[in-house]
């Protein structure tokens, strides 16, 4: 498993853990994960892309209305996605990432 997928896995696990164990809403869970994975986000690069895409895809899937609260972060996600970073991803990783980001942007409108 690539490092990109490993980080996505940890983000998914934390996201649902907060919803189930802590009884958080989608928005609260995203907020908490943004805090918990703040180091990865602040470093930018593929780690930030993995965290952002995973969190906002889950939010878009479960409660698209919540995305409006994270517009600033989604703008950062789109900037990271349009950068040169994606050239180091495998075909499968890039395909999954493109699907997630397309859904996020569709649901944000």
C-alpha atoms as a PDB file:
ATOM      1  CA  UNK A   1       0.000   0.000   0.000  1.00  0.00           C
ATOM      2  CA  UNK A   2       1.378   3.409  -0.939  1.00  0.00           C
ATOM      3  CA  UNK A   3       1.969   6.145   1.623  1.00  0.00           C
ATOM      4  CA  UNK A   4      -0.766   8.155  -0.096  1.00  0.00           C
ATOM      5  CA  UNK A   5      -3.334   5.402   0.524  1.00  0.00           C
ATOM      6  CA  UNK A   6      -2.089   4.793   4.065  1.00  0.00           C
ATOM      7  CA  UNK A   7      -2.703   8.402   5.003  1.00  0.00           C
ATOM      8  CA  UNK A   8      -6.139   8.321   3.374  1.00  0.00           C
ATOM      9  CA  UNK A   9      -6.925   5.224   5.436  1.00  0.00           C
ATOM     10  CA  UNK A  10      -5.933   6.948   8.693  1.00  0.00           C
ATOM     11  CA  UNK A  11      -8.065   9.967   7.826  1.00  0.00           C
ATOM     12  CA  UNK A  12     -11.100   7.785   7.038  1.00  0.00           C
ATOM     13  CA  UNK A  13     -10.623   5.865  10.269  1.00  0.00           C
ATOM     14  CA  UNK A  14     -10.444   9.065  12.341  1.00  0.00           C
ATOM     15  CA  UNK A  15     -13.391  10.636  10.514  1.00  0.00           C
ATOM     16  CA  UNK A  16     -15.741   7.740  11.273  1.00  0.00           C
ATOM     17  CA  UNK A  17     -14.354   7.191  14.759  1.00  0.00           C
ATOM     18  CA  UNK A  18     -15.417  10.710  15.718  1.00  0.00           C
ATOM     19  CA  UNK A  19     -18.867  10.183  14.261  1.00  0.00           C
ATOM     20  CA  UNK A  20     -19.426   6.818  15.925  1.00  0.00           C
ATOM     21  CA  UNK A  21     -17.532   7.030  19.209  1.00  0.00           C
ATOM     22  CA  UNK A  22     -17.909  10.736  19.887  1.00  0.00           C
ATOM     23  CA  UNK A  23     -21.329  11.222  18.278  1.00  0.00           C
ATOM     24  CA  UNK A  24     -19.974  14.099  16.185  1.00  0.00           C
ATOM     25  CA  UNK A  25     -21.802  15.572  13.217  1.00  0.00           C
ATOM     26  CA  UNK A  26     -20.145  15.442   9.808  1.00  0.00           C
ATOM     27  CA  UNK A  27     -19.001  19.043  10.216  1.00  0.00           C
ATOM     28  CA  UNK A  28     -17.606  18.433  13.699  1.00  0.00           C
ATOM     29  CA  UNK A  29     -15.759  15.356  12.494  1.00  0.00           C
ATOM     30  CA  UNK A  30     -14.212  17.237   9.575  1.00  0.00           C
ATOM     31  CA  UNK A  31     -13.182  20.071  11.908  1.00  0.00           C
ATOM     32  CA  UNK A  32     -11.591  17.637  14.329  1.00  0.00           C
ATOM     33  CA  UNK A  33      -9.733  15.809  11.567  1.00  0.00           C
ATOM     34  CA  UNK A  34      -8.451  19.109  10.153  1.00  0.00           C
ATOM     35  CA  UNK A  35      -7.008  19.771  13.589  1.00  0.00           C
ATOM     36  CA  UNK A  36      -5.697  16.231  14.102  1.00  0.00           C
ATOM     37  CA  UNK A  37      -4.015  16.114  10.695  1.00  0.00           C
ATOM     38  CA  UNK A  38      -2.867  19.720  10.874  1.00  0.00           C
ATOM     39  CA  UNK A  39       0.801  18.750  10.576  1.00  0.00           C
ATOM     40  CA  UNK A  40       0.209  16.923   7.310  1.00  0.00           C
ATOM     41  CA  UNK A  41      -1.886  19.805   5.987  1.00  0.00           C
ATOM     42  CA  UNK A  42       0.653  22.454   6.985  1.00  0.00           C
ATOM     43  CA  UNK A  43       3.438  20.587   5.212  1.00  0.00           C
ATOM     44  CA  UNK A  44       1.425  20.792   2.003  1.00  0.00           C
ATOM     45  CA  UNK A  45       2.204  18.461  -0.824  1.00  0.00           C
ATOM     46  CA  UNK A  46       0.705  15.029  -1.289  1.00  0.00           C
ATOM     47  CA  UNK A  47      -0.064  14.624   2.403  1.00  0.00           C
ATOM     48  CA  UNK A  48      -2.275  17.719   2.427  1.00  0.00           C
ATOM     49  CA  UNK A  49      -3.905  16.560  -0.799  1.00  0.00           C
ATOM     50  CA  UNK A  50      -4.654  13.146   0.727  1.00  0.00           C
ATOM     51  CA  UNK A  51      -6.146  14.627   3.913  1.00  0.00           C
ATOM     52  CA  UNK A  52      -8.248  17.263   2.159  1.00  0.00           C
ATOM     53  CA  UNK A  53      -9.576  14.988  -0.583  1.00  0.00           C
ATOM     54  CA  UNK A  54     -10.497  12.239   1.864  1.00  0.00           C
ATOM     55  CA  UNK A  55     -12.275  14.510   4.341  1.00  0.00           C
ATOM     56  CA  UNK A  56     -14.194  16.581   1.841  1.00  0.00           C
ATOM     57  CA  UNK A  57     -15.173  13.566  -0.244  1.00  0.00           C
ATOM     58  CA  UNK A  58     -16.701  12.015   2.876  1.00  0.00           C
ATOM     59  CA  UNK A  59     -18.484  15.283   3.677  1.00  0.00           C
ATOM     60  CA  UNK A  60     -19.747  15.563   0.085  1.00  0.00           C
ATOM     61  CA  UNK A  61     -20.968  11.975   0.188  1.00  0.00           C
ATOM     62  CA  UNK A  62     -22.789  12.233   3.529  1.00  0.00           C
ATOM     63  CA  UNK A  63     -23.824  15.863   3.835  1.00  0.00           C
ATOM     64  CA  UNK A  64     -22.965  18.104   0.895  1.00  0.00           C
ATOM     65  CA  UNK A  65     -24.482  21.154   2.613  1.00  0.00           C
ATOM     66  CA  UNK A  66     -21.607  21.085   5.094  1.00  0.00           C
ATOM     67  CA  UNK A  67     -19.046  21.724   2.362  1.00  0.00           C
ATOM     68  CA  UNK A  68     -19.813  25.454   2.309  1.00  0.00           C
ATOM     69  CA  UNK A  69     -18.194  25.793   5.742  1.00  0.00           C
ATOM     70  CA  UNK A  70     -14.926  24.503   4.312  1.00  0.00           C
ATOM     71  CA  UNK A  71     -14.716  26.541   1.096  1.00  0.00           C
ATOM     72  CA  UNK A  72     -11.288  27.991   2.037  1.00  0.00           C
ATOM     73  CA  UNK A  73      -9.847  24.497   2.525  1.00  0.00           C
ATOM     74  CA  UNK A  74     -11.498  23.206  -0.649  1.00  0.00           C
ATOM     75  CA  UNK A  75      -9.881  26.061  -2.578  1.00  0.00           C
ATOM     76  CA  UNK A  76      -6.520  24.905  -1.193  1.00  0.00           C
ATOM     77  CA  UNK A  77      -7.375  21.346  -2.240  1.00  0.00           C
ATOM     78  CA  UNK A  78      -8.086  22.506  -5.790  1.00  0.00           C
ATOM     79  CA  UNK A  79      -4.808  24.452  -5.907  1.00  0.00           C
ATOM     80  CA  UNK A  80      -2.868  21.415  -4.727  1.00  0.00           C
ATOM     81  CA  UNK A  81      -4.641  19.207  -7.245  1.00  0.00           C
ATOM     82  CA  UNK A  82      -3.842  21.540 -10.123  1.00  0.00           C
ATOM     83  CA  UNK A  83      -0.157  21.673  -9.179  1.00  0.00           C
ATOM     84  CA  UNK A  84       2.600  19.374 -10.340  1.00  0.00           C
ATOM     85  CA  UNK A  85       2.057  17.064  -7.358  1.00  0.00           C
ATOM     86  CA  UNK A  86      -0.200  14.688  -9.208  1.00  0.00           C
ATOM     87  CA  UNK A  87       2.579  13.540 -11.529  1.00  0.00           C
ATOM     88  CA  UNK A  88       4.028  11.337  -8.794  1.00  0.00           C
ATOM     89  CA  UNK A  89       0.771   9.453  -8.184  1.00  0.00           C
ATOM     90  CA  UNK A  90       0.042   6.093  -9.751  1.00  0.00           C
ATOM     91  CA  UNK A  91      -2.728   5.827 -12.329  1.00  0.00           C
ATOM     92  CA  UNK A  92      -5.124   4.318  -9.778  1.00  0.00           C
ATOM     93  CA  UNK A  93      -4.340   6.982  -7.183  1.00  0.00           C
ATOM     94  CA  UNK A  94      -4.841   9.769  -9.702  1.00  0.00           C
ATOM     95  CA  UNK A  95      -8.101   8.256 -10.954  1.00  0.00           C
ATOM     96  CA  UNK A  96      -9.519   7.974  -7.429  1.00  0.00           C
ATOM     97  CA  UNK A  97      -8.354  11.463  -6.519  1.00  0.00           C
ATOM     98  CA  UNK A  98      -9.885  12.962  -9.669  1.00  0.00           C
ATOM     99  CA  UNK A  99     -13.193  11.249  -8.934  1.00  0.00           C
ATOM    100  CA  UNK A 100     -13.229  12.528  -5.346  1.00  0.00           C
ATOM    101  CA  UNK A 101     -12.356  16.099  -6.257  1.00  0.00           C
ATOM    102  CA  UNK A 102     -14.901  16.206  -9.081  1.00  0.00           C
ATOM    103  CA  UNK A 103     -17.625  15.080  -6.668  1.00  0.00           C
ATOM    104  CA  UNK A 104     -16.548  17.602  -4.029  1.00  0.00           C
ATOM    105  CA  UNK A 105     -16.664  20.461  -6.537  1.00  0.00           C
ATOM    106  CA  UNK A 106     -20.012  19.345  -7.980  1.00  0.00           C
ATOM    107  CA  UNK A 107     -21.615  19.166  -4.541  1.00  0.00           C
ATOM    108  CA  UNK A 108     -20.103  22.482  -3.429  1.00  0.00           C
ATOM    109  CA  UNK A 109     -22.048  24.439  -6.058  1.00  0.00           C
END
